[in-house]
Amino acid sequence: MNLLVTLLLLVCTAMPALAQRQTLVHKDEKRRYIVYTPASYASQPDKAFPVVFNFHGSGMTMAEQMLYTQMNRAADRHRFIVVYPLGIRHDWNVGFDMSYREGSDDIGFTEALLSRLKQDYRIDGARVYATGLSRGGFFALRAAAELPELFAAVASVGGPMPEPVVQHHTKPGKVGVLLMHGTADQVVAYDGKAAGYLSAEDTYRYWLKHNGIGAAGARSRVIDADPNDGTAVTVREQGNGRQAVALVTIRDGGHTWPGADPFNVGLPIGNTTRDIDANEVMWAFFDRHRR
């Protein structure tokens, strides 16, 4: 663990100029975030760029999320901005262990942060997306439910729909939703948790219904690009011409970011699939959605 801490300190102190730590005061609380701009941002001064919010898992930092997911590489390839917000006490409010309405105002912070980003950067307001791991994935789904007027699509890794979000979800706005989940996840169960969160399959069906997408006509494919990684991936997707809902089931996959390098978070996170790259799959999905 000391080695990990040392590595993170080196990463943060040697952080490239394209990734900058910033702060925003929201409800008298100083909130922190990192913004990464791709190399093309400076060379295309007249272009408005898409932005992806990348929410960390519980107990993680924004720098750890950036280091683990390596989304900056995809941002350079596909020319989008990535923002890594930091939750209060390294957590996000999805109604677990805190009041959904009276706990930390992470939804308000997200709105305020997007407003600040639009002031400070050339943001394409029709191409705002969110993703996250574990608790960050749960929160990406809360953002989809409560801020459909802002987000065109979201992707959650190892974080299906929390029951508190289901109970408070009243906005009719439609949002593209991509779910990635390992069947052998020992941290957040693929089959759900009673009174906690829906299963991955039920989350998929929930968003199909919310987006008015019929159950028939799903496209499905199996990916096993690396037969030695102990996993195989099934991708199921349905759409209505504007929004799509997709479920990426990783057979025998753990609580990990697909395609990422091993990372010690002190939990039994299990197998990481090499069959897909989460960042590439997400961007292909996001790129088809506009607000």
Protein backbone atom coordinates (compact mmCIF):
# COMPACT_ATOMS: atom_id res chain seq x y z
CA MET A 1 0.00 0.00 0.00
CA ASN A 2 2.91 2.39 0.75
CA LEU A 3 4.16 1.77 -2.77
CA LEU A 4 0.74 2.68 -4.14
CA VAL A 5 0.64 5.90 -2.12
CA THR A 6 4.12 6.82 -3.32
CA LEU A 7 3.13 6.15 -6.93
CA LEU A 8 0.04 8.31 -6.61
CA LEU A 9 2.05 11.16 -5.12
CA LEU A 10 4.47 10.96 -8.02
CA VAL A 11 1.61 10.93 -10.50
CA CYS A 12 -0.04 13.93 -8.88
CA THR A 13 3.12 16.00 -8.54
CA ALA A 14 4.19 15.17 -12.09
CA MET A 15 0.70 15.57 -13.50
CA PRO A 16 0.85 16.85 -17.08
CA ALA A 17 -0.21 20.41 -17.77
CA LEU A 18 -3.24 19.03 -19.60
CA ALA A 19 -4.62 17.74 -16.27
CA GLN A 20 -5.23 20.45 -13.70
CA ARG A 21 -6.53 20.35 -10.13
CA GLN A 22 -9.22 22.94 -9.47
CA THR A 23 -11.68 23.89 -6.76
CA LEU A 24 -15.27 25.08 -6.57
CA VAL A 25 -17.13 26.28 -3.48
CA HIS A 26 -20.60 24.77 -3.35
CA LYS A 27 -22.84 25.40 -0.31
CA ASP A 28 -19.87 26.66 1.70
CA GLU A 29 -17.90 23.48 0.98
CA LYS A 30 -14.70 23.58 -1.06
CA ARG A 31 -15.08 20.85 -3.67
CA ARG A 32 -12.15 19.59 -5.73
CA TYR A 33 -11.87 18.18 -9.22
CA ILE A 34 -9.34 17.45 -11.94
CA VAL A 35 -9.90 18.55 -15.54
CA TYR A 36 -8.05 16.84 -18.37
CA THR A 37 -8.06 18.51 -21.78
CA PRO A 38 -6.85 16.52 -24.79
CA ALA A 39 -3.87 17.76 -26.79
CA SER A 40 -6.24 18.75 -29.60
CA TYR A 41 -7.99 21.27 -27.33
CA ALA A 42 -5.24 23.87 -27.80
CA SER A 43 -4.80 23.19 -31.51
CA GLN A 44 -8.53 23.61 -32.27
CA PRO A 45 -9.44 26.95 -30.64
CA ASP A 46 -12.79 27.21 -32.42
CA LYS A 47 -14.05 23.75 -31.50
CA ALA A 48 -16.48 22.96 -28.63
CA PHE A 49 -15.55 19.68 -26.95
CA PRO A 50 -17.64 16.91 -25.40
CA VAL A 51 -17.09 16.33 -21.68
CA VAL A 52 -17.19 13.15 -19.60
CA PHE A 53 -17.65 13.23 -15.82
CA ASN A 54 -15.74 10.27 -14.33
CA PHE A 55 -16.87 9.59 -10.74
CA HIS A 56 -14.57 7.60 -8.44
CA GLY A 57 -15.54 4.62 -6.30
CA SER A 58 -16.17 4.87 -2.56
CA GLY A 59 -12.93 5.44 -0.66
CA MET A 60 -11.02 6.37 -3.81
CA THR A 61 -9.65 9.76 -4.79
CA MET A 62 -10.05 11.64 -8.05
CA ALA A 63 -6.37 10.99 -8.85
CA GLU A 64 -6.79 7.27 -8.22
CA GLN A 65 -9.79 7.20 -10.55
CA MET A 66 -7.78 8.98 -13.22
CA LEU A 67 -4.83 6.63 -12.75
CA TYR A 68 -6.92 3.46 -12.69
CA THR A 69 -9.31 4.11 -15.56
CA GLN A 70 -6.72 5.73 -17.86
CA MET A 71 -9.54 7.60 -19.59
CA ASN A 72 -7.18 10.41 -20.53
CA ARG A 73 -5.74 8.20 -23.27
CA ALA A 74 -9.19 7.75 -24.80
CA ALA A 75 -9.77 11.50 -24.44
CA ASP A 76 -6.70 12.15 -26.56
CA ARG A 77 -7.75 9.62 -29.19
CA HIS A 78 -11.35 10.79 -29.44
CA ARG A 79 -10.99 14.46 -28.50
CA PHE A 80 -13.10 14.96 -25.40
CA ILE A 81 -12.55 16.56 -22.00
CA VAL A 82 -12.59 14.45 -18.82
CA VAL A 83 -13.43 15.81 -15.38
CA TYR A 84 -12.72 13.78 -12.24
CA PRO A 85 -14.74 15.23 -9.33
CA LEU A 86 -13.99 14.38 -5.69
CA GLY A 87 -16.81 13.33 -3.40
CA ILE A 88 -17.10 14.53 0.20
CA ARG A 89 -15.29 11.97 2.37
CA HIS A 90 -14.52 10.15 -0.90
CA ASP A 91 -18.14 9.12 -1.39
CA TRP A 92 -21.25 9.99 -3.41
CA ASN A 93 -24.80 10.40 -2.16
CA VAL A 94 -27.07 7.73 -3.61
CA GLY A 95 -29.06 7.21 -0.41
CA PHE A 96 -26.72 4.63 1.14
CA ASP A 97 -25.68 5.46 4.73
CA MET A 98 -26.98 9.02 4.36
CA SER A 99 -30.21 10.84 3.61
CA TYR A 100 -30.96 10.96 -0.11
CA ARG A 101 -32.33 14.50 0.14
CA GLU A 102 -30.54 15.85 3.21
CA GLY A 103 -27.14 14.25 2.74
CA SER A 104 -24.32 15.75 0.68
CA ASP A 105 -25.67 17.72 -2.27
CA ASP A 106 -23.70 15.97 -4.97
CA ILE A 107 -26.37 16.59 -7.59
CA GLY A 108 -26.21 20.34 -6.94
CA PHE A 109 -22.41 20.15 -7.02
CA THR A 110 -22.54 18.36 -10.38
CA GLU A 111 -24.82 21.06 -11.81
CA ALA A 112 -22.57 23.81 -10.46
CA LEU A 113 -19.47 22.07 -11.77
CA LEU A 114 -20.89 21.75 -15.27
CA SER A 115 -21.84 25.43 -15.18
CA ARG A 116 -18.26 26.32 -14.17
CA LEU A 117 -16.81 24.09 -16.89
CA LYS A 118 -18.95 25.85 -19.48
CA GLN A 119 -17.52 29.17 -18.30
CA ASP A 120 -13.90 28.01 -18.27
CA TYR A 121 -13.77 25.66 -21.25
CA ARG A 122 -15.30 25.25 -24.69
CA ILE A 123 -17.95 22.67 -23.80
CA ASP A 124 -20.47 21.20 -26.24
CA GLY A 125 -23.62 21.31 -24.11
CA ALA A 126 -25.32 18.67 -26.25
CA ARG A 127 -22.53 16.18 -25.57
CA VAL A 128 -22.24 15.92 -21.78
CA TYR A 129 -21.74 12.39 -20.40
CA ALA A 130 -21.01 10.66 -17.10
CA THR A 131 -19.47 7.43 -15.95
CA GLY A 132 -18.23 5.96 -12.71
CA LEU A 133 -17.01 2.88 -10.89
CA SER A 134 -18.95 1.21 -8.06
CA ARG A 135 -20.39 4.05 -5.91
CA GLY A 136 -19.42 6.40 -8.72
CA GLY A 137 -21.40 4.22 -11.12
CA PHE A 138 -24.39 4.32 -8.80
CA PHE A 139 -24.08 8.10 -8.79
CA ALA A 140 -23.82 8.32 -12.59
CA LEU A 141 -27.25 6.67 -12.67
CA ARG A 142 -28.57 9.15 -10.11
CA ALA A 143 -27.28 11.95 -12.36
CA ALA A 144 -29.15 10.39 -15.29
CA ALA A 145 -32.34 10.23 -13.24
CA GLU A 146 -32.16 13.74 -11.79
CA LEU A 147 -30.35 15.69 -14.50
CA PRO A 148 -31.67 14.29 -17.79
CA GLU A 149 -31.74 17.82 -19.21
CA LEU A 150 -27.94 17.95 -18.87
CA PHE A 151 -26.65 14.45 -19.62
CA ALA A 152 -27.06 12.79 -23.01
CA ALA A 153 -25.82 9.40 -21.82
CA VAL A 154 -24.17 7.73 -18.83
CA ALA A 155 -22.22 4.52 -18.25
CA SER A 156 -21.95 2.65 -14.96
CA VAL A 157 -19.29 0.07 -14.13
CA GLY A 158 -20.13 -2.28 -11.26
CA GLY A 159 -23.00 -0.07 -10.08
CA PRO A 160 -26.61 -0.93 -10.96
CA MET A 161 -29.66 1.18 -10.10
CA PRO A 162 -29.87 2.05 -6.37
CA GLU A 163 -33.29 1.55 -4.79
CA PRO A 164 -33.30 5.12 -3.37
CA VAL A 165 -32.81 6.48 -6.89
CA VAL A 166 -35.71 4.33 -8.14
CA GLN A 167 -37.91 5.69 -5.34
CA HIS A 168 -37.08 9.33 -6.11
CA HIS A 169 -36.94 9.11 -9.90
CA THR A 170 -39.70 11.40 -11.18
CA LYS A 171 -38.20 13.26 -14.16
CA PRO A 172 -39.40 11.95 -17.53
CA GLY A 173 -36.31 12.93 -19.52
CA LYS A 174 -34.69 10.12 -21.50
CA VAL A 175 -30.98 9.34 -21.25
CA GLY A 176 -28.80 6.71 -22.93
CA VAL A 177 -27.60 4.17 -20.35
CA LEU A 178 -24.73 1.69 -20.62
CA LEU A 179 -24.18 -0.86 -17.85
CA MET A 180 -21.04 -2.97 -17.32
CA HIS A 181 -21.02 -5.63 -14.62
CA GLY A 182 -19.13 -8.83 -13.80
CA THR A 183 -21.10 -11.92 -12.80
CA ALA A 184 -18.46 -12.78 -10.17
CA ASP A 185 -18.45 -9.30 -8.59
CA GLN A 186 -18.10 -9.84 -4.81
CA VAL A 187 -18.40 -6.15 -3.90
CA VAL A 188 -21.59 -5.19 -5.77
CA ALA A 189 -23.57 -8.31 -6.68
CA TYR A 190 -24.61 -8.79 -10.30
CA ASP A 191 -27.92 -10.22 -9.02
CA GLY A 192 -28.66 -7.18 -6.85
CA LYS A 193 -29.23 -6.65 -3.14
CA ALA A 194 -32.67 -6.56 -1.54
CA ALA A 195 -33.59 -3.02 -0.41
CA GLY A 196 -30.21 -1.84 -1.71
CA TYR A 197 -29.92 -1.93 -5.49
CA LEU A 198 -31.45 -3.67 -8.49
CA SER A 199 -29.74 -6.49 -10.33
CA ALA A 200 -27.85 -5.67 -13.52
CA GLU A 201 -30.61 -7.31 -15.57
CA ASP A 202 -33.38 -5.43 -13.74
CA THR A 203 -31.47 -2.17 -14.16
CA TYR A 204 -31.30 -2.82 -17.89
CA ARG A 205 -35.05 -3.46 -18.01
CA TYR A 206 -35.74 -0.42 -15.81
CA TRP A 207 -34.03 1.98 -18.25
CA LEU A 208 -35.58 0.32 -21.28
CA LYS A 209 -39.00 1.00 -19.78
CA HIS A 210 -38.12 4.55 -18.72
CA ASN A 211 -36.84 5.38 -22.19
CA GLY A 212 -39.91 3.87 -23.85
CA ILE A 213 -37.94 1.15 -25.61
CA GLY A 214 -39.74 -2.11 -26.33
CA ALA A 215 -38.39 -5.43 -25.11
CA ALA A 216 -38.24 -6.95 -28.58
CA GLY A 217 -35.46 -6.59 -31.10
CA ALA A 218 -32.42 -6.60 -28.81
CA ARG A 219 -29.07 -6.94 -30.54
CA SER A 220 -26.66 -9.31 -28.81
CA ARG A 221 -23.08 -10.38 -29.39
CA VAL A 222 -20.40 -12.32 -27.53
CA ILE A 223 -16.80 -11.08 -27.31
CA ASP A 224 -13.93 -13.32 -26.17
CA ALA A 225 -10.94 -11.52 -27.63
CA ASP A 226 -8.58 -12.92 -24.97
CA PRO A 227 -9.37 -16.60 -24.31
CA ASN A 228 -6.81 -16.68 -21.48
CA ASP A 229 -8.26 -13.94 -19.26
CA GLY A 230 -10.90 -16.17 -17.61
CA THR A 231 -13.81 -14.06 -18.82
CA ALA A 232 -16.15 -13.63 -21.78
CA VAL A 233 -18.34 -10.64 -22.57
CA THR A 234 -21.93 -10.50 -23.79
CA VAL A 235 -23.25 -7.18 -25.07
CA ARG A 236 -27.01 -6.68 -25.32
CA GLU A 237 -28.47 -3.41 -26.63
CA GLN A 238 -31.79 -1.89 -27.65
CA GLY A 239 -32.64 1.62 -28.83
CA ASN A 240 -35.40 3.95 -30.00
CA GLY A 241 -33.43 5.89 -32.60
CA ARG A 242 -32.29 8.56 -30.13
CA GLN A 243 -31.41 6.76 -26.91
CA ALA A 244 -30.03 3.27 -26.39
CA VAL A 245 -29.77 1.03 -23.34
CA ALA A 246 -26.97 -1.53 -23.25
CA LEU A 247 -25.90 -4.22 -20.79
CA VAL A 248 -22.35 -5.54 -20.95
CA THR A 249 -22.26 -8.75 -18.91
CA ILE A 250 -18.76 -9.96 -18.07
CA ARG A 251 -18.93 -13.66 -17.31
CA ASP A 252 -16.69 -14.44 -14.30
CA GLY A 253 -15.60 -10.79 -14.22
CA GLY A 254 -14.98 -9.03 -10.92
CA HIS A 255 -15.45 -5.52 -9.51
CA THR A 256 -13.07 -3.98 -12.03
CA TRP A 257 -12.78 -1.53 -14.92
CA PRO A 258 -12.66 -3.63 -18.12
CA GLY A 259 -9.28 -3.48 -19.80
CA ALA A 260 -7.58 -1.70 -16.88
CA ASP A 261 -4.30 -2.70 -15.29
CA PRO A 262 -4.49 -4.39 -11.85
CA PHE A 263 -5.06 -1.92 -9.03
CA ASN A 264 -4.99 -2.55 -5.27
CA VAL A 265 -8.04 -0.97 -3.65
CA GLY A 266 -7.99 -3.29 -0.62
CA LEU A 267 -11.00 -5.30 -1.80
CA PRO A 268 -11.44 -8.72 -3.45
CA ILE A 269 -12.04 -7.18 -6.86
CA GLY A 270 -11.58 -10.37 -8.92
CA ASN A 271 -10.88 -10.84 -12.63
CA THR A 272 -10.40 -7.96 -15.04
CA THR A 273 -11.56 -8.78 -18.55
CA ARG A 274 -9.18 -8.20 -21.45
CA ASP A 275 -11.91 -8.83 -24.00
CA ILE A 276 -12.94 -5.17 -24.13
CA ASP A 277 -11.60 -1.75 -23.20
CA ALA A 278 -14.23 0.02 -21.09
CA ASN A 279 -13.17 3.47 -22.31
CA GLU A 280 -13.47 2.53 -25.98
CA VAL A 281 -16.86 0.84 -25.48
CA MET A 282 -18.14 3.84 -23.51
CA TRP A 283 -16.99 6.40 -26.02
CA ALA A 284 -18.53 4.48 -28.94
CA PHE A 285 -21.81 4.51 -26.96
CA PHE A 286 -21.57 8.15 -25.87
CA ASP A 287 -20.67 9.35 -29.34
CA ARG A 288 -24.05 8.19 -30.65
CA HIS A 289 -25.95 10.31 -28.13
CA ARG A 290 -26.77 14.01 -28.14
CA ARG A 291 -28.85 16.03 -25.73
